[in-house]
Amino acid sequence: MASKATMILQIGMKSSSRFPEKEFFRFRSFHLRAAFTMIELLLVVLILSVIAALAVPNFSHSYAKIQLRNNVYDIANLMRYAQSRSVIRNKTMRLQIDLTTKKYWIEEQVEDGFQSFSGQMGGKYSVISGASIEQEHDHILFYPDGRIEKVYITVCRQENCYTISTKEQRGFVHVLQGKM
């Protein structure tokens, strides 16, 4: 009678050999050789590296466009806030833009001119680095009856430009892609 180990090895194996232990070791060594070789793994890593290297410049360009778009929408939203505040407080408001420092802020009309105010939107904001800003005047007026001075503000970074316009429709701030 064969040992229990030999009988277990023979179950499920079609062995024509007299020595089932040799068949077991040959079967086991086949499973050890079924793994990936180092060259195959390195080839996969190399292919994935090339794909990643091609995708990174595209991602950074897209990220720069998103930053610019968000900055332009921040300016447009500040303009809409200035218009609403002007109507609610029944005072003329002004969006002041300093083209040298690339900063912008809202000022409220007082008896002797305009003055910055404190509060939620009363701070100074900056255009993102690397962007240029162009406009016809250094300020935009917002009147208590809801009117806005008609202007174009163009913000560009590299070849991407957005234009904020109040000329298209009375009392509205529009963001347009491209330069006007």
C-alpha atoms as a PDB file:
ATOM      1  CA  MET A   1       0.000   0.000   0.000  1.00  0.00           C
ATOM      2  CA  ALA A   2       1.333   3.407  -0.961  1.00  0.00           C
ATOM      3  CA  SER A   3       1.811   6.157   1.570  1.00  0.00           C
ATOM      4  CA  LYS A   4      -0.890   8.803   2.098  1.00  0.00           C
ATOM      5  CA  ALA A   5       1.265  11.548   0.540  1.00  0.00           C
ATOM      6  CA  THR A   6       1.784   9.522  -2.606  1.00  0.00           C
ATOM      7  CA  MET A   7      -1.921   8.811  -2.860  1.00  0.00           C
ATOM      8  CA  ILE A   8      -2.787  12.483  -2.448  1.00  0.00           C
ATOM      9  CA  LEU A   9      -0.321  13.378  -5.189  1.00  0.00           C
ATOM     10  CA  GLN A  10      -1.876  10.849  -7.523  1.00  0.00           C
ATOM     11  CA  ILE A  11      -5.402  12.232  -7.093  1.00  0.00           C
ATOM     12  CA  GLY A  12      -6.196  14.441 -10.028  1.00  0.00           C
ATOM     13  CA  MET A  13      -2.859  13.802 -11.779  1.00  0.00           C
ATOM     14  CA  LYS A  14      -2.593  11.652 -14.793  1.00  0.00           C
ATOM     15  CA  SER A  15       0.719  10.064 -14.215  1.00  0.00           C
ATOM     16  CA  SER A  16       2.232   7.331 -16.239  1.00  0.00           C
ATOM     17  CA  SER A  17       5.349   7.499 -14.146  1.00  0.00           C
ATOM     18  CA  ARG A  18       6.181   5.024 -11.461  1.00  0.00           C
ATOM     19  CA  PHE A  19       7.499   7.842  -9.289  1.00  0.00           C
ATOM     20  CA  PRO A  20       4.675  10.263  -8.589  1.00  0.00           C
ATOM     21  CA  GLU A  21       7.026  12.489  -6.534  1.00  0.00           C
ATOM     22  CA  LYS A  22       8.941  13.416  -9.702  1.00  0.00           C
ATOM     23  CA  GLU A  23       5.628  14.260 -11.411  1.00  0.00           C
ATOM     24  CA  PHE A  24       4.744  16.522  -8.464  1.00  0.00           C
ATOM     25  CA  PHE A  25       8.011  18.443  -8.679  1.00  0.00           C
ATOM     26  CA  ARG A  26       7.699  18.845 -12.449  1.00  0.00           C
ATOM     27  CA  PHE A  27       4.115  20.143 -11.966  1.00  0.00           C
ATOM     28  CA  ARG A  28       5.263  22.538  -9.229  1.00  0.00           C
ATOM     29  CA  SER A  29       8.177  23.927 -11.255  1.00  0.00           C
ATOM     30  CA  PHE A  30       5.765  24.683 -14.125  1.00  0.00           C
ATOM     31  CA  HIS A  31       3.748  26.947 -11.804  1.00  0.00           C
ATOM     32  CA  LEU A  32       6.862  28.753 -10.661  1.00  0.00           C
ATOM     33  CA  ARG A  33       7.787  29.548 -14.275  1.00  0.00           C
ATOM     34  CA  ALA A  34       4.325  30.999 -15.051  1.00  0.00           C
ATOM     35  CA  ALA A  35       5.232  34.445 -13.580  1.00  0.00           C
ATOM     36  CA  PHE A  36       6.326  37.550 -15.506  1.00  0.00           C
ATOM     37  CA  THR A  37       9.993  37.970 -16.279  1.00  0.00           C
ATOM     38  CA  MET A  38      11.933  41.052 -15.229  1.00  0.00           C
ATOM     39  CA  ILE A  39      12.216  42.184 -18.855  1.00  0.00           C
ATOM     40  CA  GLU A  40       8.449  42.046 -19.304  1.00  0.00           C
ATOM     41  CA  LEU A  41       7.901  44.078 -16.138  1.00  0.00           C
ATOM     42  CA  LEU A  42      10.489  46.672 -17.199  1.00  0.00           C
ATOM     43  CA  LEU A  43       8.872  46.938 -20.618  1.00  0.00           C
ATOM     44  CA  VAL A  44       5.466  47.649 -19.061  1.00  0.00           C
ATOM     45  CA  VAL A  45       6.984  50.268 -16.737  1.00  0.00           C
ATOM     46  CA  LEU A  46       8.729  51.896 -19.715  1.00  0.00           C
ATOM     47  CA  ILE A  47       5.510  52.072 -21.746  1.00  0.00           C
ATOM     48  CA  LEU A  48       3.580  53.570 -18.804  1.00  0.00           C
ATOM     49  CA  SER A  49       6.363  56.137 -18.277  1.00  0.00           C
ATOM     50  CA  VAL A  50       6.192  57.261 -21.898  1.00  0.00           C
ATOM     51  CA  ILE A  51       2.409  57.656 -21.701  1.00  0.00           C
ATOM     52  CA  ALA A  52       2.710  59.668 -18.471  1.00  0.00           C
ATOM     53  CA  ALA A  53       5.434  61.884 -19.963  1.00  0.00           C
ATOM     54  CA  LEU A  54       3.201  62.691 -22.922  1.00  0.00           C
ATOM     55  CA  ALA A  55       0.203  63.500 -20.687  1.00  0.00           C
ATOM     56  CA  VAL A  56       1.925  65.843 -18.180  1.00  0.00           C
ATOM     57  CA  PRO A  57       2.503  68.839 -20.531  1.00  0.00           C
ATOM     58  CA  ASN A  58      -1.103  68.616 -21.692  1.00  0.00           C
ATOM     59  CA  PHE A  59      -2.318  68.609 -18.097  1.00  0.00           C
ATOM     60  CA  SER A  60      -0.233  71.635 -17.084  1.00  0.00           C
ATOM     61  CA  HIS A  61      -1.530  73.585 -20.102  1.00  0.00           C
ATOM     62  CA  SER A  62      -5.129  72.706 -19.191  1.00  0.00           C
ATOM     63  CA  TYR A  63      -4.524  73.691 -15.571  1.00  0.00           C
ATOM     64  CA  ALA A  64      -3.196  77.105 -16.663  1.00  0.00           C
ATOM     65  CA  LYS A  65      -6.330  77.659 -18.772  1.00  0.00           C
ATOM     66  CA  ILE A  66      -8.570  76.730 -15.848  1.00  0.00           C
ATOM     67  CA  GLN A  67      -6.708  79.128 -13.535  1.00  0.00           C
ATOM     68  CA  LEU A  68      -7.123  81.964 -16.032  1.00  0.00           C
ATOM     69  CA  ARG A  69     -10.817  81.246 -16.575  1.00  0.00           C
ATOM     70  CA  ASN A  70     -11.473  81.130 -12.820  1.00  0.00           C
ATOM     71  CA  ASN A  71      -9.636  84.437 -12.319  1.00  0.00           C
ATOM     72  CA  VAL A  72     -11.689  86.105 -15.074  1.00  0.00           C
ATOM     73  CA  TYR A  73     -14.931  84.810 -13.545  1.00  0.00           C
ATOM     74  CA  ASP A  74     -13.796  86.138 -10.144  1.00  0.00           C
ATOM     75  CA  ILE A  75     -13.415  89.624 -11.685  1.00  0.00           C
ATOM     76  CA  ALA A  76     -16.827  89.357 -13.373  1.00  0.00           C
ATOM     77  CA  ASN A  77     -18.470  88.230 -10.125  1.00  0.00           C
ATOM     78  CA  LEU A  78     -16.868  91.144  -8.262  1.00  0.00           C
ATOM     79  CA  MET A  79     -18.317  93.450 -10.912  1.00  0.00           C
ATOM     80  CA  ARG A  80     -21.769  91.926 -10.429  1.00  0.00           C
ATOM     81  CA  TYR A  81     -21.378  92.393  -6.677  1.00  0.00           C
ATOM     82  CA  ALA A  82     -20.445  96.052  -7.186  1.00  0.00           C
ATOM     83  CA  GLN A  83     -23.535  96.544  -9.338  1.00  0.00           C
ATOM     84  CA  SER A  84     -25.807  94.932  -6.716  1.00  0.00           C
ATOM     85  CA  ARG A  85     -24.229  96.903  -3.879  1.00  0.00           C
ATOM     86  CA  SER A  86     -24.655 100.121  -5.853  1.00  0.00           C
ATOM     87  CA  VAL A  87     -28.373  99.493  -6.336  1.00  0.00           C
ATOM     88  CA  ILE A  88     -28.973  98.370  -2.741  1.00  0.00           C
ATOM     89  CA  ARG A  89     -27.055 101.225  -1.107  1.00  0.00           C
ATOM     90  CA  ASN A  90     -28.108 103.796  -3.704  1.00  0.00           C
ATOM     91  CA  LYS A  91     -24.492 104.896  -4.160  1.00  0.00           C
ATOM     92  CA  THR A  92     -22.176 104.866  -7.133  1.00  0.00           C
ATOM     93  CA  MET A  93     -19.544 102.125  -6.882  1.00  0.00           C
ATOM     94  CA  ARG A  94     -16.276 101.871  -8.739  1.00  0.00           C
ATOM     95  CA  LEU A  95     -14.121  98.901  -9.710  1.00  0.00           C
ATOM     96  CA  GLN A  96     -10.592 100.261  -9.574  1.00  0.00           C
ATOM     97  CA  ILE A  97      -7.929  98.405 -11.580  1.00  0.00           C
ATOM     98  CA  ASP A  98      -4.232  99.137 -11.125  1.00  0.00           C
ATOM     99  CA  LEU A  99      -2.596  97.968 -14.345  1.00  0.00           C
ATOM    100  CA  THR A 100       0.968  98.201 -12.959  1.00  0.00           C
ATOM    101  CA  THR A 101       0.434  95.986  -9.896  1.00  0.00           C
ATOM    102  CA  LYS A 102      -2.367  93.968 -11.562  1.00  0.00           C
ATOM    103  CA  LYS A 103      -4.629  94.437  -8.539  1.00  0.00           C
ATOM    104  CA  TYR A 104      -8.324  95.306  -8.512  1.00  0.00           C
ATOM    105  CA  TRP A 105     -10.814  96.309  -5.818  1.00  0.00           C
ATOM    106  CA  ILE A 106     -14.195  97.981  -5.255  1.00  0.00           C
ATOM    107  CA  GLU A 107     -14.613 101.486  -3.922  1.00  0.00           C
ATOM    108  CA  GLU A 108     -17.760 103.204  -2.660  1.00  0.00           C
ATOM    109  CA  GLN A 109     -18.657 106.818  -3.360  1.00  0.00           C
ATOM    110  CA  VAL A 110     -18.370 109.188  -0.394  1.00  0.00           C
ATOM    111  CA  GLU A 111     -18.803 112.978  -0.281  1.00  0.00           C
ATOM    112  CA  ASP A 112     -15.263 113.785  -1.405  1.00  0.00           C
ATOM    113  CA  GLY A 113     -14.628 110.970  -3.905  1.00  0.00           C
ATOM    114  CA  PHE A 114     -14.325 107.218  -3.615  1.00  0.00           C
ATOM    115  CA  GLN A 115     -13.113 105.095  -0.732  1.00  0.00           C
ATOM    116  CA  SER A 116     -12.389 101.415  -0.170  1.00  0.00           C
ATOM    117  CA  PHE A 117     -14.740  99.658   2.195  1.00  0.00           C
ATOM    118  CA  SER A 118     -14.312  96.749   4.559  1.00  0.00           C
ATOM    119  CA  GLY A 119     -16.443  93.691   4.425  1.00  0.00           C
ATOM    120  CA  GLN A 120     -16.899  90.499   2.502  1.00  0.00           C
ATOM    121  CA  MET A 121     -15.756  91.805  -0.895  1.00  0.00           C
ATOM    122  CA  GLY A 122     -13.863  94.903   0.262  1.00  0.00           C
ATOM    123  CA  GLY A 123     -10.315  93.586  -0.155  1.00  0.00           C
ATOM    124  CA  LYS A 124      -7.765  93.949  -2.915  1.00  0.00           C
ATOM    125  CA  TYR A 125      -7.493  91.085  -5.374  1.00  0.00           C
ATOM    126  CA  SER A 126      -4.732  90.136  -7.802  1.00  0.00           C
ATOM    127  CA  VAL A 127      -4.718  88.876 -11.351  1.00  0.00           C
ATOM    128  CA  ILE A 128      -2.964  85.495 -11.520  1.00  0.00           C
ATOM    129  CA  SER A 129       0.767  85.550 -12.143  1.00  0.00           C
ATOM    130  CA  GLY A 130       1.819  85.528 -15.756  1.00  0.00           C
ATOM    131  CA  ALA A 131      -1.415  87.146 -16.927  1.00  0.00           C
ATOM    132  CA  SER A 132      -1.827  90.575 -18.447  1.00  0.00           C
ATOM    133  CA  ILE A 133      -4.858  92.801 -18.084  1.00  0.00           C
ATOM    134  CA  GLU A 134      -5.959  95.478 -20.550  1.00  0.00           C
ATOM    135  CA  GLN A 135      -8.793  97.967 -20.422  1.00  0.00           C
ATOM    136  CA  GLU A 136      -9.732 101.392 -21.708  1.00  0.00           C
ATOM    137  CA  HIS A 137      -9.867 103.157 -18.298  1.00  0.00           C
ATOM    138  CA  ASP A 138      -8.397 102.505 -14.866  1.00  0.00           C
ATOM    139  CA  HIS A 139     -11.865 102.202 -13.326  1.00  0.00           C
ATOM    140  CA  ILE A 140     -15.445 101.170 -14.102  1.00  0.00           C
ATOM    141  CA  LEU A 141     -18.449 102.941 -12.588  1.00  0.00           C
ATOM    142  CA  PHE A 142     -21.605 101.203 -11.357  1.00  0.00           C
ATOM    143  CA  TYR A 143     -24.612 103.488 -10.931  1.00  0.00           C
ATOM    144  CA  PRO A 144     -27.519 103.200  -8.448  1.00  0.00           C
ATOM    145  CA  ASP A 145     -30.029 102.685 -11.281  1.00  0.00           C
ATOM    146  CA  GLY A 146     -28.228  99.454 -12.319  1.00  0.00           C
ATOM    147  CA  ARG A 147     -26.272 100.871 -15.258  1.00  0.00           C
ATOM    148  CA  ILE A 148     -22.619 100.003 -15.770  1.00  0.00           C
ATOM    149  CA  GLU A 149     -20.045 101.970 -17.733  1.00  0.00           C
ATOM    150  CA  LYS A 150     -19.550 100.295 -21.102  1.00  0.00           C
ATOM    151  CA  VAL A 151     -16.065  98.775 -21.228  1.00  0.00           C
ATOM    152  CA  TYR A 152     -14.024  95.772 -22.290  1.00  0.00           C
ATOM    153  CA  ILE A 153     -11.546  94.210 -19.886  1.00  0.00           C
ATOM    154  CA  THR A 154      -9.222  91.676 -21.486  1.00  0.00           C
ATOM    155  CA  VAL A 155      -7.210  89.214 -19.412  1.00  0.00           C
ATOM    156  CA  CYS A 156      -4.617  87.103 -21.242  1.00  0.00           C
ATOM    157  CA  ARG A 157      -2.111  84.466 -20.247  1.00  0.00           C
ATOM    158  CA  GLN A 158       0.120  83.066 -22.971  1.00  0.00           C
ATOM    159  CA  GLU A 159      -2.174  82.589 -25.983  1.00  0.00           C
ATOM    160  CA  ASN A 160      -5.404  82.270 -23.946  1.00  0.00           C
ATOM    161  CA  CYS A 161      -7.556  85.378 -23.589  1.00  0.00           C
ATOM    162  CA  TYR A 162     -10.916  86.212 -22.046  1.00  0.00           C
ATOM    163  CA  THR A 163     -12.851  89.450 -22.353  1.00  0.00           C
ATOM    164  CA  ILE A 164     -15.227  90.817 -19.741  1.00  0.00           C
ATOM    165  CA  SER A 165     -17.731  93.054 -21.470  1.00  0.00           C
ATOM    166  CA  THR A 166     -20.426  95.434 -20.301  1.00  0.00           C
ATOM    167  CA  LYS A 167     -21.059  96.702 -23.855  1.00  0.00           C
ATOM    168  CA  GLU A 168     -23.200  93.824 -25.125  1.00  0.00           C
ATOM    169  CA  GLN A 169     -26.277  94.388 -22.987  1.00  0.00           C
ATOM    170  CA  ARG A 170     -27.143  97.222 -20.653  1.00  0.00           C
ATOM    171  CA  GLY A 171     -26.601  96.358 -16.999  1.00  0.00           C
ATOM    172  CA  PHE A 172     -25.041  92.937 -17.642  1.00  0.00           C
ATOM    173  CA  VAL A 173     -21.511  91.621 -17.229  1.00  0.00           C
ATOM    174  CA  HIS A 174     -20.583  89.092 -19.901  1.00  0.00           C
ATOM    175  CA  VAL A 175     -17.499  86.864 -20.067  1.00  0.00           C
ATOM    176  CA  LEU A 176     -16.417  86.066 -23.609  1.00  0.00           C
ATOM    177  CA  GLN A 177     -13.630  83.783 -24.718  1.00  0.00           C
ATOM    178  CA  GLY A 178     -11.026  85.500 -26.867  1.00  0.00           C
ATOM    179  CA  LYS A 179      -9.859  89.054 -27.313  1.00  0.00           C
ATOM    180  CA  MET A 180     -12.213  91.818 -28.477  1.00  0.00           C
END
